Protein backbone atom coordinates (compact mmCIF):
# COMPACT_ATOMS: atom_id res chain seq x y z
CA MET A 1 0.00 0.00 0.00
CA HIS A 2 1.23 3.45 -0.89
CA ILE A 3 0.69 5.53 2.23
CA THR A 4 -0.32 9.11 1.60
CA ILE A 5 -3.13 11.62 1.87
CA ARG A 6 -4.27 12.98 -1.41
CA THR A 7 -7.10 15.14 -2.70
CA ALA A 8 -9.29 13.33 -5.20
CA VAL A 9 -11.77 15.06 -7.45
CA LEU A 10 -15.20 15.47 -5.95
CA PHE A 11 -16.92 13.18 -8.41
CA LEU A 12 -15.30 10.11 -6.88
CA SER A 13 -17.90 7.71 -5.61
CA SER A 14 -16.07 7.57 -2.31
CA THR A 15 -13.42 9.64 -0.59
CA LEU A 16 -9.90 8.26 -0.80
CA PHE A 17 -7.94 8.49 2.37
CA LEU A 18 -4.92 6.36 3.06
CA GLY A 19 -3.67 6.83 6.62
CA CYS A 20 -0.03 6.84 7.61
CA ASN A 21 -0.32 4.24 10.34
CA SER A 22 -2.80 2.16 12.20
CA LYS A 23 -3.02 4.40 15.22
CA ASN A 24 -5.45 7.34 15.20
CA LYS A 25 -3.14 10.32 15.48
CA ASP A 26 -5.97 12.82 15.79
CA GLN A 27 -7.63 11.35 18.87
CA ILE A 28 -5.44 9.71 21.48
CA THR A 29 -7.18 7.82 24.24
CA LEU A 30 -5.17 8.02 27.43
CA GLU A 31 -4.76 4.57 28.86
CA ASN A 32 -3.99 5.92 32.31
CA ALA A 33 -4.49 9.20 34.08
CA MET A 34 -1.61 11.59 33.60
CA ALA A 35 0.31 13.25 36.39
CA GLN A 36 0.20 16.97 36.96
CA SER A 37 3.03 18.76 35.21
CA SER A 38 5.53 20.42 37.53
CA LYS A 39 6.22 22.94 34.74
CA SER A 40 2.61 24.08 34.37
CA ASN A 41 -0.24 25.31 36.51
CA VAL A 42 -2.57 23.08 34.54
CA SER A 43 -3.33 19.45 35.35
CA LEU A 44 -3.31 17.20 32.32
CA ALA A 45 -4.70 14.35 34.39
CA THR A 46 -8.21 15.67 33.94
CA TYR A 47 -8.32 15.02 30.22
CA GLU A 48 -9.77 11.87 28.74
CA ARG A 49 -8.11 12.48 25.38
CA MET A 50 -5.51 14.85 23.94
CA ASN A 51 -4.37 15.74 20.44
CA PRO A 52 -1.11 17.10 19.02
CA PHE A 53 -0.95 20.88 18.69
CA LYS A 54 -2.05 22.38 15.37
CA ASN A 55 -1.74 26.09 14.63
CA GLY A 56 -1.23 26.98 18.28
CA PHE A 57 -3.98 24.90 19.86
CA ALA A 58 -4.62 21.31 20.88
CA GLN A 59 -7.92 19.52 21.26
CA VAL A 60 -8.62 18.03 24.68
CA GLN A 61 -11.62 16.08 25.95
CA LEU A 62 -13.29 16.36 29.33
CA ASN A 63 -16.54 14.65 30.33
CA GLY A 64 -17.07 13.50 26.77
CA LYS A 65 -16.87 17.00 25.26
CA ILE A 66 -13.97 18.60 23.43
CA GLY A 67 -12.38 22.02 23.83
CA PHE A 68 -8.99 23.58 23.09
CA ILE A 69 -5.93 24.49 25.13
CA ASN A 70 -3.04 26.77 24.20
CA LYS A 71 0.64 26.02 24.76
CA LYS A 72 0.42 27.35 28.29
CA GLY A 73 -2.17 24.69 29.03
CA GLU A 74 -4.91 27.31 29.37
CA ASN A 75 -8.40 26.28 28.33
CA ILE A 76 -9.20 28.74 25.54
CA VAL A 77 -12.29 27.05 24.10
CA PRO A 78 -14.73 25.46 26.60
CA TYR A 79 -15.28 21.71 26.58
CA GLN A 80 -18.62 21.72 24.78
CA TYR A 81 -18.23 20.26 21.30
CA GLU A 82 -18.60 16.73 19.96
CA TYR A 83 -16.45 16.88 16.82
CA PRO A 84 -14.36 20.01 16.26
CA HIS A 85 -11.80 20.44 13.49
CA ASP A 86 -8.35 21.81 14.22
CA PHE A 87 -7.88 25.55 13.79
CA LYS A 88 -7.01 26.76 10.32
CA ASP A 89 -6.56 30.38 9.28
CA GLY A 90 -7.73 31.44 12.74
CA PHE A 91 -11.01 29.53 12.79
CA ALA A 92 -12.24 26.02 13.56
CA VAL A 93 -15.28 24.11 12.41
CA VAL A 94 -17.24 22.72 15.38
CA GLU A 95 -20.06 20.20 15.47
CA ASN A 96 -22.79 19.24 17.91
CA ALA A 97 -25.79 17.00 17.14
CA LYS A 98 -24.80 16.90 13.46
CA LYS A 99 -24.96 20.69 13.12
CA TYR A 100 -21.90 22.72 12.19
CA GLY A 101 -20.66 26.20 12.99
CA PHE A 102 -17.40 28.13 13.42
CA ILE A 103 -15.40 29.52 16.32
CA ASP A 104 -12.45 31.91 16.46
CA THR A 105 -9.30 31.44 18.55
CA LYS A 106 -10.99 33.05 21.56
CA GLY A 107 -13.75 30.48 21.49
CA LYS A 108 -16.35 32.91 20.16
CA GLU A 109 -18.87 31.40 17.76
CA ILE A 110 -18.84 33.49 14.58
CA THR A 111 -21.85 31.50 13.36
CA PRO A 112 -24.34 29.44 15.33
CA LEU A 113 -24.21 25.70 14.80
CA LYS A 114 -26.87 25.71 12.08
CA TYR A 115 -25.27 24.16 9.01
CA ASP A 116 -25.60 20.57 7.85
CA PHE A 117 -21.97 20.50 6.74
CA ALA A 118 -19.02 22.88 6.73
CA MET A 119 -15.42 22.92 5.53
CA ASP A 120 -12.36 24.72 6.87
CA PHE A 121 -11.59 28.32 5.94
CA GLU A 122 -9.35 28.85 2.94
CA ASN A 123 -8.36 32.27 1.63
CA GLY A 124 -10.94 33.98 3.85
CA LYS A 125 -13.91 31.82 2.85
CA ALA A 126 -15.51 28.62 4.10
CA LEU A 127 -17.92 26.36 2.27
CA VAL A 128 -21.19 25.59 4.08
CA VAL A 129 -24.24 23.43 3.35
CA SER A 130 -27.81 23.95 4.55
CA ASN A 131 -30.87 21.99 3.39
CA LYS A 132 -28.77 20.45 0.61
CA LYS A 133 -27.79 23.90 -0.70
CA TRP A 134 -24.20 25.11 -0.86
CA GLY A 135 -22.59 28.53 -0.39
CA PHE A 136 -19.76 30.38 1.33
CA ILE A 137 -19.30 32.52 4.43
CA ASP A 138 -16.60 35.07 5.25
CA GLU A 139 -14.59 35.41 8.46
CA LYS A 140 -17.38 37.41 10.09
CA GLY A 141 -19.87 34.62 9.46
CA LYS A 142 -21.65 36.50 6.69
CA GLU A 143 -22.94 34.46 3.77
CA ILE A 144 -21.02 36.26 1.02
CA ILE A 145 -21.98 33.72 -1.63
CA PRO A 146 -25.62 32.74 -1.08
CA VAL A 147 -26.40 29.24 0.14
CA ILE A 148 -28.47 28.45 -2.94
CA TYR A 149 -26.31 26.15 -5.07
CA GLU A 150 -26.87 22.46 -5.75
CA LYS A 151 -23.13 21.89 -5.54
CA ALA A 152 -20.05 24.01 -4.88
CA ASN A 153 -16.30 23.43 -4.77
CA SER A 154 -13.68 25.28 -2.77
CA PHE A 155 -12.03 28.31 -4.29
CA SER A 156 -8.59 27.99 -5.82
CA GLY A 157 -7.20 31.49 -5.92
CA GLU A 158 -9.88 33.81 -7.26
CA LEU A 159 -12.20 31.23 -8.80
CA GLY A 160 -14.60 28.52 -7.69
CA THR A 161 -17.18 26.29 -9.37
CA VAL A 162 -20.88 25.96 -8.53
CA LYS A 163 -23.98 24.28 -9.92
CA LEU A 164 -27.38 25.98 -10.10
CA ASN A 165 -30.53 24.61 -11.74
CA GLY A 166 -28.49 21.87 -13.40
CA GLN A 167 -25.99 24.32 -14.95
CA TRP A 168 -22.35 24.62 -13.87
CA TYR A 169 -20.76 28.05 -13.46
CA ILE A 170 -17.34 29.50 -12.70
CA ILE A 171 -17.67 32.17 -10.01
CA ASP A 172 -15.39 34.78 -8.51
CA LYS A 173 -15.29 36.04 -4.94
CA MET A 174 -18.02 38.59 -5.67
CA ASN A 175 -20.37 35.81 -6.87
CA ASN A 176 -20.09 36.91 -10.48
CA LYS A 177 -20.92 33.86 -12.56
CA LYS A 178 -19.76 32.64 -15.95
CA LYS A 179 -21.62 29.76 -17.54
CA VAL A 180 -19.58 26.68 -18.39
CA SER A 181 -20.22 25.83 -22.02
CA CYS A 182 -19.62 22.09 -21.82
CA ASN A 183 -22.46 19.87 -20.63
CA CYS A 184 -20.56 18.57 -17.62
CA ASP A 185 -22.05 16.16 -15.14
CA VAL A 186 -19.47 17.03 -12.50
CA ILE A 187 -16.79 19.71 -12.12
CA SER A 188 -14.18 19.90 -9.37
CA SER A 189 -11.93 22.69 -8.07
CA PHE A 190 -9.19 24.38 -10.07
CA ASP A 191 -5.56 23.48 -9.50
CA GLU A 192 -2.72 24.89 -11.57
CA GLY A 193 -5.30 26.53 -13.86
CA LEU A 194 -7.30 23.41 -14.70
CA ALA A 195 -10.33 21.71 -13.17
CA PRO A 196 -11.33 18.05 -13.52
CA ILE A 197 -14.63 17.45 -15.30
CA LYS A 198 -16.81 14.44 -15.98
CA ILE A 199 -19.04 13.97 -19.03
CA ASP A 200 -20.97 10.78 -19.75
CA GLY A 201 -18.86 8.79 -17.32
CA LYS A 202 -15.47 9.90 -18.66
CA SER A 203 -13.11 12.45 -17.10
CA GLY A 204 -10.93 15.23 -18.47
CA PHE A 205 -10.11 18.89 -17.72
CA MET A 206 -11.38 22.38 -18.49
CA ASN A 207 -9.57 25.72 -18.19
CA LYS A 208 -10.60 28.87 -16.33
CA GLU A 209 -12.58 30.02 -19.37
CA GLY A 210 -14.77 26.96 -19.06
CA ARG A 211 -13.42 25.34 -22.23
CA VAL A 212 -12.56 21.67 -22.38
CA VAL A 213 -8.81 21.47 -22.99
CA ILE A 214 -8.18 17.81 -22.18
CA GLN A 215 -10.89 15.62 -23.62
CA PRO A 216 -12.82 13.36 -21.22
CA LYS A 217 -11.47 9.92 -22.01
CA TYR A 218 -10.20 8.65 -18.67
CA ASP A 219 -12.05 6.68 -16.04
CA LEU A 220 -10.62 8.83 -13.28
CA VAL A 221 -8.45 11.93 -13.00
CA PHE A 222 -6.90 13.79 -10.08
CA ASN A 223 -6.07 17.48 -9.78
CA PHE A 224 -2.76 18.68 -11.17
CA GLN A 225 0.17 18.74 -8.77
CA GLU A 226 3.70 19.80 -9.64
CA GLY A 227 2.67 20.16 -13.30
CA LEU A 228 1.32 16.63 -13.71
CA ALA A 229 -2.02 14.90 -13.11
CA SER A 230 -2.58 11.26 -12.26
CA VAL A 231 -5.07 9.63 -14.64
CA THR A 232 -6.58 6.15 -14.76
CA LEU A 233 -7.94 4.06 -17.63
CA ASN A 234 -8.89 0.39 -17.47
CA ASP A 235 -7.54 0.15 -13.90
CA LYS A 236 -4.06 1.36 -14.86
CA SER A 237 -2.61 4.74 -13.92
CA GLY A 238 -0.04 7.15 -15.30
CA PHE A 239 0.49 10.90 -15.66
CA ILE A 240 -0.34 13.61 -18.17
CA ASN A 241 0.91 17.19 -18.45
CA THR A 242 -1.26 20.31 -18.80
CA LYS A 243 -1.31 19.83 -22.57
CA GLY A 244 -2.87 16.42 -22.13
CA GLU A 245 0.25 14.60 -23.27
CA VAL A 246 0.99 11.29 -21.59
CA VAL A 247 4.29 11.75 -19.76
CA VAL A 248 4.22 8.56 -17.71
CA PRO A 249 2.57 5.53 -19.36
CA LEU A 250 -0.59 4.15 -17.80
CA ILE A 251 0.99 0.94 -16.50
CA TYR A 252 0.76 1.26 -12.72
CA ASP A 253 -1.73 0.06 -10.14
CA GLY A 254 -3.36 2.41 -7.66
CA TYR A 255 -3.44 6.19 -7.83
CA PRO A 256 0.08 7.68 -7.63
CA GLN A 257 0.80 11.36 -6.97
CA PHE A 258 4.02 13.36 -7.15
CA LYS A 259 5.41 14.82 -3.98
CA ASP A 260 8.83 16.31 -3.49
CA GLY A 261 9.59 15.52 -7.15
CA LEU A 262 8.98 11.77 -6.99
CA ALA A 263 5.90 9.54 -7.14
CA ALA A 264 5.43 6.17 -5.48
CA VAL A 265 4.30 3.56 -8.02
CA ASN A 266 3.02 0.04 -7.67
CA GLN A 267 3.12 -3.07 -9.81
CA ASN A 268 2.26 -6.54 -8.56
CA GLU A 269 2.05 -5.23 -4.99
CA LYS A 270 5.63 -3.99 -4.97
CA TYR A 271 6.44 -0.29 -4.64
CA GLY A 272 9.17 1.99 -5.93
CA PHE A 273 9.52 5.59 -7.14
CA ILE A 274 9.59 7.35 -10.51
CA ASP A 275 10.72 10.84 -11.47
CA LYS A 276 8.71 13.26 -13.62
CA THR A 277 10.01 11.77 -16.84
CA GLY A 278 8.64 8.39 -15.83
CA LYS A 279 12.08 6.93 -15.12
CA LEU A 280 12.12 4.34 -12.36
CA VAL A 281 14.70 5.81 -10.00
CA ILE A 282 14.07 3.52 -7.02
CA PRO A 283 13.24 -0.13 -7.81
CA MET A 284 9.84 -1.60 -7.00
CA LYS A 285 10.86 -3.87 -4.16
CA TYR A 286 9.09 -2.54 -1.08
CA GLU A 287 5.94 -3.85 0.59
CA ARG A 288 4.62 -0.36 1.32
CA VAL A 289 5.98 3.15 1.09
CA TYR A 290 5.36 6.67 2.30
CA ASP A 291 5.71 9.74 0.10
CA PHE A 292 9.00 11.61 0.20
CA GLU A 293 9.21 14.43 2.70
CA ASN A 294 12.32 16.51 3.30
CA GLY A 295 14.32 14.14 1.11
CA LEU A 296 13.34 10.92 2.92
CA ALA A 297 10.64 8.30 2.43
CA GLY A 298 9.50 5.58 4.78
CA VAL A 299 9.60 2.06 3.34
CA TYR A 300 8.47 -1.33 4.60
CA ILE A 301 10.65 -4.44 4.50
CA ASP A 302 9.41 -7.56 6.28
CA GLN A 303 6.70 -5.44 7.92
CA LYS A 304 9.24 -3.11 9.51
CA ILE A 305 9.75 0.55 8.59
CA GLY A 306 12.96 2.35 7.68
CA PHE A 307 13.88 5.39 5.59
CA ILE A 308 15.56 5.79 2.22
CA ASN A 309 16.88 8.89 0.47
CA LYS A 310 16.20 9.86 -3.14
CA LYS A 311 19.10 7.70 -4.31
CA GLY A 312 17.39 4.69 -2.76
CA GLU A 313 20.04 4.42 -0.05
CA MET A 314 18.83 3.11 3.31
CA ILE A 315 19.46 5.92 5.80
CA ILE A 316 17.51 4.56 8.76
CA PRO A 317 17.34 0.75 8.99
CA PRO A 318 13.91 -0.95 8.76
CA VAL A 319 13.54 -1.97 12.40
CA TYR A 320 10.57 0.14 13.53
CA ASP A 321 6.85 -0.54 13.89
CA GLN A 322 5.61 3.06 13.63
CA ILE A 323 6.94 6.34 12.29
CA HIS A 324 5.70 9.90 12.70
CA THR A 325 7.34 12.65 10.68
CA GLY A 326 7.04 16.36 11.25
CA GLU A 327 9.13 19.51 11.06
CA GLY A 328 12.27 17.67 10.01
CA ILE A 329 12.25 15.31 13.00
CA ILE A 330 11.28 11.64 12.85
CA GLY A 331 9.46 9.94 15.70
CA VAL A 332 9.89 6.16 15.70
CA VAL A 333 8.49 3.34 17.81
CA GLY A 334 9.89 -0.18 17.94
CA GLU A 335 9.73 -2.97 20.49
CA GLY A 336 7.64 -0.76 22.75
CA LYS A 337 10.20 2.05 22.80
CA GLY A 338 9.83 5.46 21.19
CA LYS A 339 12.47 8.02 20.33
CA PHE A 340 13.27 10.88 17.96
CA LEU A 341 15.80 10.88 15.12
CA ASP A 342 17.23 13.46 12.75
CA SER A 343 17.44 12.93 8.98
CA THR A 344 20.67 10.93 9.35
CA GLY A 345 19.19 8.54 11.89
CA LYS A 346 20.96 10.10 14.86
CA GLU A 347 19.06 10.02 18.15
CA LEU A 348 18.21 13.55 19.27
CA PHE A 349 17.34 13.02 22.95
CA PRO A 350 18.58 10.53 25.53
CA GLU A 351 15.06 9.92 26.84
CA VAL A 352 13.21 6.81 25.77
CA TYR A 353 9.42 6.94 25.59
CA GLU A 354 6.70 4.33 25.48
CA ASP A 355 5.03 6.09 22.55
CA VAL A 356 5.59 9.23 20.50
CA TYR A 357 3.87 11.37 17.89
CA GLY A 358 5.41 13.67 15.32
CA PHE A 359 6.37 17.27 15.95
CA SER A 360 3.76 19.87 15.11
CA ASP A 361 3.84 23.53 16.10
CA GLY A 362 7.27 22.93 17.62
CA VAL A 363 6.11 20.35 20.16
CA ALA A 364 5.43 16.62 20.22
CA LEU A 365 3.09 14.50 22.30
CA VAL A 366 4.89 11.66 24.09
CA LYS A 367 4.13 8.95 26.63
CA GLN A 368 6.49 8.08 29.46
CA ASN A 369 5.78 6.02 32.60
CA GLY A 370 2.14 5.78 31.54
CA MET A 371 1.78 9.55 31.27
CA TRP A 372 1.22 11.71 28.17
CA PHE A 373 2.77 15.18 27.92
CA TYR A 374 4.35 17.58 25.42
CA ILE A 375 8.06 18.19 24.74
CA ASP A 376 9.88 20.79 22.65
CA LYS A 377 12.61 20.19 20.07
CA LYS A 378 15.26 20.05 22.77
CA GLY A 379 13.45 17.20 24.47
CA LYS A 380 12.33 19.42 27.33
CA ARG A 381 8.88 18.94 28.80
CA VAL A 382 6.83 22.08 28.17
CA LEU A 383 3.36 21.02 29.33
């Protein structure tokens, strides 16, 4: 299995999400109560669950409800939500009883929890759904694009796509609409100037003028990334460029995507990596792989994880059960022991933990002596 998180076009029958490991990184159940930190005036023992920090805040659960703390351990958002998102661009989606709203970093609700669905803010706008109609709100909670559309996709730069009365349109931030000339069944968001479309069961791309520039002939297409798009026909995948030219032949299984200049590819359940010319630069010999990040990729050999560089050289031996990357530091767990390594495999801290998670916002969540707490990049406990 190629392990990654990718954005598929919205006309997929189901959302593709391939997790990085078996443990749920976003919601950590504490097996035992945690001791009060001697470095903080806040007791972590109260919390039933904790999350890694994201954008300055961490989710914590108390009495079955979730709130947020800051890096001082102060409760910024009361424990009153069932399913909040992490903060992004200064706001977080929150959910109670299957109704969605938004809060700011002070815990103030900028909209009541009245929507049937909501997505994170991007570029000052958030997509919302009410009574099966789609629209957008601004950072004050005002519906700047009316919630009247049958379908809408997130903005990419200045443009988005919406469907009204069976007709697709390209819209700008002022809700000015331009009719799409092709009779598209489905249109996705723009990336690198092109948006995936689907007509009569086949997929291609249109440009920002609404003209079809890559004819719908594929079974499945993904948004362009790094100048190339992954496309699938007859259960085989390859890559095309923005002119529609096949750059990498459609000979691979799965749905590869380029990241950090290389793409993980799969044939006969063995994985390797190709460059943007389609050249196989790392042989297909691994059981599973992670995408490259900061010049390294995790690979599985005999169900153990190690790291290779872009030359295919093994930098960190495959002896670990779990890995967690973040901010240039690698958290590893093997034989019940967790530690942190740099990109050469050197151990960064003398401490050994029972479990670790990757660094985010300059801190990492670790478990030691049955207790969960946060450390900084010097290995010092900060909360």
